[in-house]
Amino acid sequence: MKKDNLKDQFRINEQIRAREIRLVGDNVPPGIYSIYDACRIANEQGLDLIEISPNAVPPVCRVLDYQKFIYQQKKRQKELKANSVKIVVKEIRFGPQTDDHDYDFKLKHARSFLSEGAKVKAYVFFKGRSILFKEQGEVLLLRFATDLEDYGKVEQMPALEGKKMIIMLSPKKQAAPKKTVKKEGEEY
């Protein structure tokens, strides 16, 4: 069974330990009340006293139905999660002596990745003694970046990390297409 961490996050009614609280809400006069008075106000309305901001001095509480409050919090979290942008990173691997055909093939894939909005992490992997060709790998990655400058911009210049030389490319923001307004009597 999934544990509900939202219910543990907020204190309600008798769980609130402060002597005085600041009461806010639609159905109560705002102000500073003793915990006893605030609980009495909540009980009279058949609602719960929920501690919204425990770190404030005095803590801020609200009079609401607790189940409704938790439902609203879950709904808000779900909306935030849906609106967040998920960044996809695609990797392309080269060797220090990558042939032109292989290079073109990987370049075509990188173009499609960048046009879809994904970041591209291109790297040259040095095996064994091929680490001696660091300059060749850097030239290859810089050539790769210049060939893709119409589709993306360099986020991180080539850097050697262990046996890999890595370059990061992020997609360029595409401008929205301009709308043409059709005037009366014109044909397209």
Foldseek 3Di string as FASTA:
>chain_A
DDDDVVVVPKDKQPRDDDQKEFEDDDPDDTDIDGSVVVSVVLVVVPFMWIFDAVPDVNTYIYTHHVVVVSVVVVVVVVVVVVPDDDAAEAEAEAELPRDPVNLVVVLVVCLVCLVVFHKYKYKYFYPDPSVVSVVSRLVSVVVSQVVCVVFWHWPARFDDDPRMTITITGGDDDDDDDDDDDDPPDDD
